[in-house]
Protein backbone atom coordinates (compact mmCIF):
# COMPACT_ATOMS: atom_id res chain seq x y z
CA MET A 1 -151.61 17.74 -44.67
CA LEU A 2 -148.40 19.83 -44.12
CA LEU A 3 -150.53 22.61 -45.51
CA GLY A 4 -153.09 21.98 -43.00
CA PHE A 5 -151.34 22.09 -40.26
CA ALA A 6 -149.19 25.34 -41.09
CA ILE A 7 -152.99 26.98 -41.24
CA GLY A 8 -154.15 25.68 -38.13
CA ALA A 9 -151.08 27.02 -36.23
CA SER A 10 -151.27 30.38 -38.11
CA ASP A 11 -152.47 33.23 -36.22
CA GLN A 12 -152.72 35.61 -39.73
CA ALA A 13 -154.76 32.73 -41.50
CA ASP A 14 -158.53 32.66 -41.63
CA PRO A 15 -158.39 28.76 -40.97
CA LEU A 16 -162.25 28.52 -42.69
CA GLU A 17 -160.93 30.00 -46.12
CA ASP A 18 -157.90 29.48 -46.02
CA GLY A 19 -158.46 25.94 -45.54
CA VAL A 20 -160.87 25.57 -47.98
CA ARG A 21 -158.95 27.38 -50.64
CA MET A 22 -156.25 24.90 -49.84
CA ILE A 23 -157.96 21.73 -50.56
CA ASN A 24 -160.10 23.17 -53.78
CA THR A 25 -156.10 24.11 -55.17
CA PHE A 26 -153.95 21.31 -53.79
CA GLY A 27 -156.44 18.79 -53.47
CA LEU A 28 -159.30 18.69 -55.72
CA SER A 29 -157.89 20.58 -58.56
CA LEU A 30 -154.67 18.63 -58.24
CA PHE A 31 -154.05 15.89 -56.00
CA VAL A 32 -157.67 13.55 -56.21
CA PRO A 33 -157.55 13.43 -60.14
CA VAL A 34 -153.85 12.61 -60.31
CA VAL A 35 -154.35 9.85 -58.14
CA THR A 36 -157.56 8.50 -59.66
CA LEU A 37 -155.99 8.91 -63.34
CA VAL A 38 -152.96 6.65 -62.12
CA PHE A 39 -155.33 3.87 -61.28
CA ALA A 40 -158.63 3.82 -62.79
CA ALA A 41 -156.46 4.55 -66.70
CA ALA A 42 -154.31 1.51 -66.17
CA THR A 43 -157.26 -1.08 -65.18
CA LEU A 44 -158.06 -1.64 -68.37
CA GLY A 45 -155.88 0.81 -69.97
CA ASP A 46 -152.47 -1.66 -69.70
CA PRO A 47 -153.64 -5.11 -70.67
CA ASN A 48 -155.18 -2.94 -73.81
CA GLU A 49 -151.95 -1.73 -74.55
CA ASP A 50 -149.82 -4.69 -74.01
CA GLY A 51 -152.36 -7.45 -75.19
CA THR A 52 -153.19 -9.09 -72.13
CA LEU A 53 -156.83 -7.70 -72.53
CA VAL A 54 -157.32 -10.42 -74.79
CA TYR A 55 -157.77 -13.09 -71.93
CA LEU A 56 -160.23 -11.24 -70.40
CA TYR A 57 -161.84 -10.61 -73.34
CA LEU A 58 -162.08 -14.45 -74.72
CA ARG A 59 -163.52 -15.16 -71.52
CA PRO A 60 -167.62 -15.82 -71.17
CA VAL A 61 -168.07 -12.98 -68.96
CA ALA A 62 -170.14 -10.57 -69.79
CA ARG A 63 -168.13 -7.27 -70.79
CA TRP A 64 -169.98 -4.89 -67.96
CA ARG A 65 -168.74 -6.93 -65.35
CA ILE A 66 -165.83 -6.75 -66.65
CA VAL A 67 -165.82 -3.02 -66.32
CA VAL A 68 -167.54 -2.98 -62.99
CA ALA A 69 -164.78 -4.95 -61.76
CA ALA A 70 -162.30 -2.68 -63.16
CA LEU A 71 -163.86 0.54 -61.56
CA ALA A 72 -164.50 -1.48 -58.04
CA ALA A 73 -160.47 -2.29 -58.42
CA SER A 74 -159.79 1.27 -59.01
CA LEU A 75 -162.17 3.03 -56.76
CA THR A 76 -160.47 0.76 -53.68
CA VAL A 77 -157.35 2.22 -54.11
CA ALA A 78 -158.01 5.56 -55.41
CA LEU A 79 -160.60 6.36 -52.54
CA PRO A 80 -158.59 6.10 -49.35
CA LEU A 81 -155.49 7.47 -51.39
CA ALA A 82 -157.06 10.40 -52.20
CA VAL A 83 -159.58 11.31 -49.60
CA LEU A 84 -157.70 10.20 -46.45
CA PRO A 85 -154.85 13.02 -46.54
CA MET A 86 -157.25 15.38 -47.39
CA THR A 87 -159.65 14.87 -44.51
CA ILE A 88 -156.57 14.90 -42.15
CA ALA A 89 -155.91 17.84 -43.68
CA ALA A 90 -158.98 19.48 -43.33
CA VAL A 91 -159.08 18.31 -39.49
CA ALA A 92 -155.46 20.03 -38.95
CA THR A 93 -157.15 23.47 -40.21
CA GLY A 94 -159.14 23.62 -36.64
CA ALA A 95 -162.08 25.13 -38.75
CA GLY A 96 -164.41 22.61 -37.56
CA GLY A 97 -166.90 20.17 -38.62
CA GLY A 98 -168.17 21.60 -41.96
CA ILE A 99 -164.76 22.07 -43.96
CA VAL A 100 -163.74 18.09 -42.96
CA THR A 101 -167.75 17.22 -44.16
CA GLY A 102 -166.92 19.45 -47.50
CA ALA A 103 -163.96 17.47 -48.17
CA ILE A 104 -165.01 14.03 -47.47
CA ALA A 105 -167.85 14.52 -49.58
CA SER A 106 -166.09 16.41 -52.40
CA CYS A 107 -162.78 14.65 -52.97
CA ALA A 108 -164.84 11.34 -52.41
CA LEU A 109 -167.62 12.43 -55.44
CA GLY A 110 -164.43 13.98 -57.23
CA THR A 111 -162.96 10.12 -56.74
CA VAL A 112 -165.50 8.68 -58.14
CA ALA A 113 -166.23 11.19 -61.19
CA TYR A 114 -162.37 10.45 -62.64
CA ALA A 115 -162.44 7.45 -62.15
CA GLY A 116 -165.47 6.71 -64.95
CA LEU A 117 -163.93 9.34 -67.13
CA PHE A 118 -160.67 7.86 -66.87
CA CYS A 119 -161.04 4.18 -66.98
CA TRP A 120 -163.13 5.10 -70.14
CA LEU A 121 -159.78 7.13 -71.49
CA GLY A 122 -157.33 4.31 -70.59
CA LEU A 123 -158.97 2.25 -73.04
CA ARG A 124 -159.90 4.76 -75.53
CA VAL A 125 -156.37 5.83 -76.52
CA ARG A 126 -152.83 4.78 -75.92
CA ARG A 127 -150.76 6.78 -73.55
CA ALA A 128 -153.85 7.79 -71.38
CA LEU A 129 -151.65 9.02 -68.70
CA VAL A 130 -150.84 11.77 -70.75
CA TRP A 131 -154.30 12.81 -72.12
CA GLY A 132 -155.37 12.47 -68.36
CA LEU A 133 -152.92 15.05 -67.32
CA ALA A 134 -153.63 17.51 -69.84
CA TYR A 135 -157.02 17.26 -69.24
CA VAL A 136 -156.41 18.01 -65.59
CA LEU A 137 -153.85 20.43 -65.94
CA VAL A 138 -154.82 22.38 -69.40
CA TRP A 139 -158.87 22.02 -69.61
CA GLU A 140 -159.47 22.39 -65.79
CA GLY A 141 -156.60 23.96 -64.81
CA PHE A 142 -156.76 26.85 -67.63
CA VAL A 143 -159.22 26.84 -70.08
CA ALA A 144 -161.84 26.14 -67.67
CA GLN A 145 -161.43 29.41 -66.00
CA ALA A 146 -162.26 31.39 -68.93
CA GLY A 147 -165.85 31.45 -69.29
CA THR A 148 -168.86 29.68 -67.73
CA THR A 149 -169.13 27.70 -71.22
CA PRO A 150 -165.86 25.49 -70.55
CA ALA A 151 -166.55 25.75 -66.54
CA ARG A 152 -169.25 23.67 -67.16
CA LEU A 153 -167.33 20.91 -68.73
CA ALA A 154 -164.80 20.59 -65.91
CA VAL A 155 -165.33 18.12 -63.08
CA ARG A 156 -163.75 20.20 -60.61
CA THR A 157 -166.38 23.26 -60.94
CA TYR A 158 -168.67 20.82 -59.32
CA THR A 159 -166.91 19.39 -56.25
CA ARG A 160 -165.54 22.81 -55.19
CA SER A 161 -169.25 23.86 -55.34
CA LEU A 162 -169.92 21.34 -53.14
CA LEU A 163 -167.17 21.97 -50.82
CA ALA A 164 -167.59 25.72 -50.35
CA ARG A 165 -171.15 25.00 -49.62
CA VAL A 166 -171.25 22.07 -47.26
CA ALA A 167 -168.01 24.24 -45.61
CA ASP A 168 -169.68 27.16 -45.50
CA GLY A 169 -166.42 28.50 -47.73
CA PRO A 170 -165.88 31.12 -50.00
CA ALA A 171 -168.82 32.32 -52.08
CA ASP A 172 -166.85 32.89 -54.97
CA LEU A 173 -165.86 28.88 -55.20
CA ILE A 174 -169.78 28.24 -55.90
CA ASP A 175 -170.47 28.05 -59.66
CA VAL A 176 -173.55 25.63 -59.57
CA SER A 177 -176.14 24.12 -57.54
CA ALA A 178 -176.17 22.70 -54.74
CA VAL A 179 -178.14 19.46 -56.66
CA ALA A 180 -175.56 20.41 -60.09
CA SER A 181 -172.53 19.94 -57.85
CA VAL A 182 -173.57 15.94 -56.32
CA LEU A 183 -175.70 15.03 -59.32
CA VAL A 184 -173.34 15.99 -62.13
CA PRO A 185 -170.15 13.86 -61.16
CA LEU A 186 -172.50 10.99 -60.76
CA LEU A 187 -173.37 11.15 -64.01
CA VAL A 188 -169.75 11.48 -65.24
CA PHE A 189 -169.17 8.24 -63.46
CA LEU A 190 -172.04 6.78 -65.38
CA GLY A 191 -171.46 8.40 -68.62
CA GLY A 192 -167.59 6.84 -68.71
CA ALA A 193 -169.09 3.37 -67.09
CA LEU A 194 -171.31 3.29 -70.32
CA LEU A 195 -168.52 4.48 -72.52
CA THR A 196 -166.24 2.06 -71.39
CA VAL A 197 -168.41 -0.98 -71.53
CA ARG A 198 -169.43 0.13 -75.39
CA ARG A 199 -165.74 0.63 -76.45
CA LEU A 200 -164.88 -2.73 -74.56
CA SER A 201 -167.72 -4.12 -76.48
CA ARG A 202 -166.81 -2.73 -80.33
CA GLN A 203 -163.24 -2.83 -80.36
CA ASP A 204 -161.08 -5.14 -81.53
CA VAL A 205 -158.74 -7.28 -79.42
CA THR A 206 -155.76 -8.83 -80.15
């Protein structure tokens, strides 16, 4: 948020371009995925590691209902924590309504996508926080920048394209079509949810 105010107060900064790049670099690339990781990976991952998941597993409740509840719980906390600060930062740049709308849409969609992905990761592996950070910092931060194919496997590619399109920001941040920038994150969320249901239904819980 302070960076947003700094851009808005600077006479030398371009509020729109610098604001979009700031939201991409600090919001979509770091803040949004890490905040979502902390909560989404813990909803089922922590009970799985400490052995208390068995109390949910033995209840006569459909597995998909447990997963839906876990996703809803993580999104209830992660969405306001991830979206609100970046929205305030966008407003503070003074670049207009486009960047504010773009920040809200891209950060919200990114949070939803990461929630599905990291909820499954928390159930699938131990120390999901470490693996999640490796994905965010190593894959999305470095490997995905090496070429088109790995970039298509990074959620950030789609959220930053959505941000730049809605805000009418720098063209070099747009890597995919408008349809793909919305559809793919939603598919990531759905795929993560289905994988989580499948994992919860098949794993041995003790």
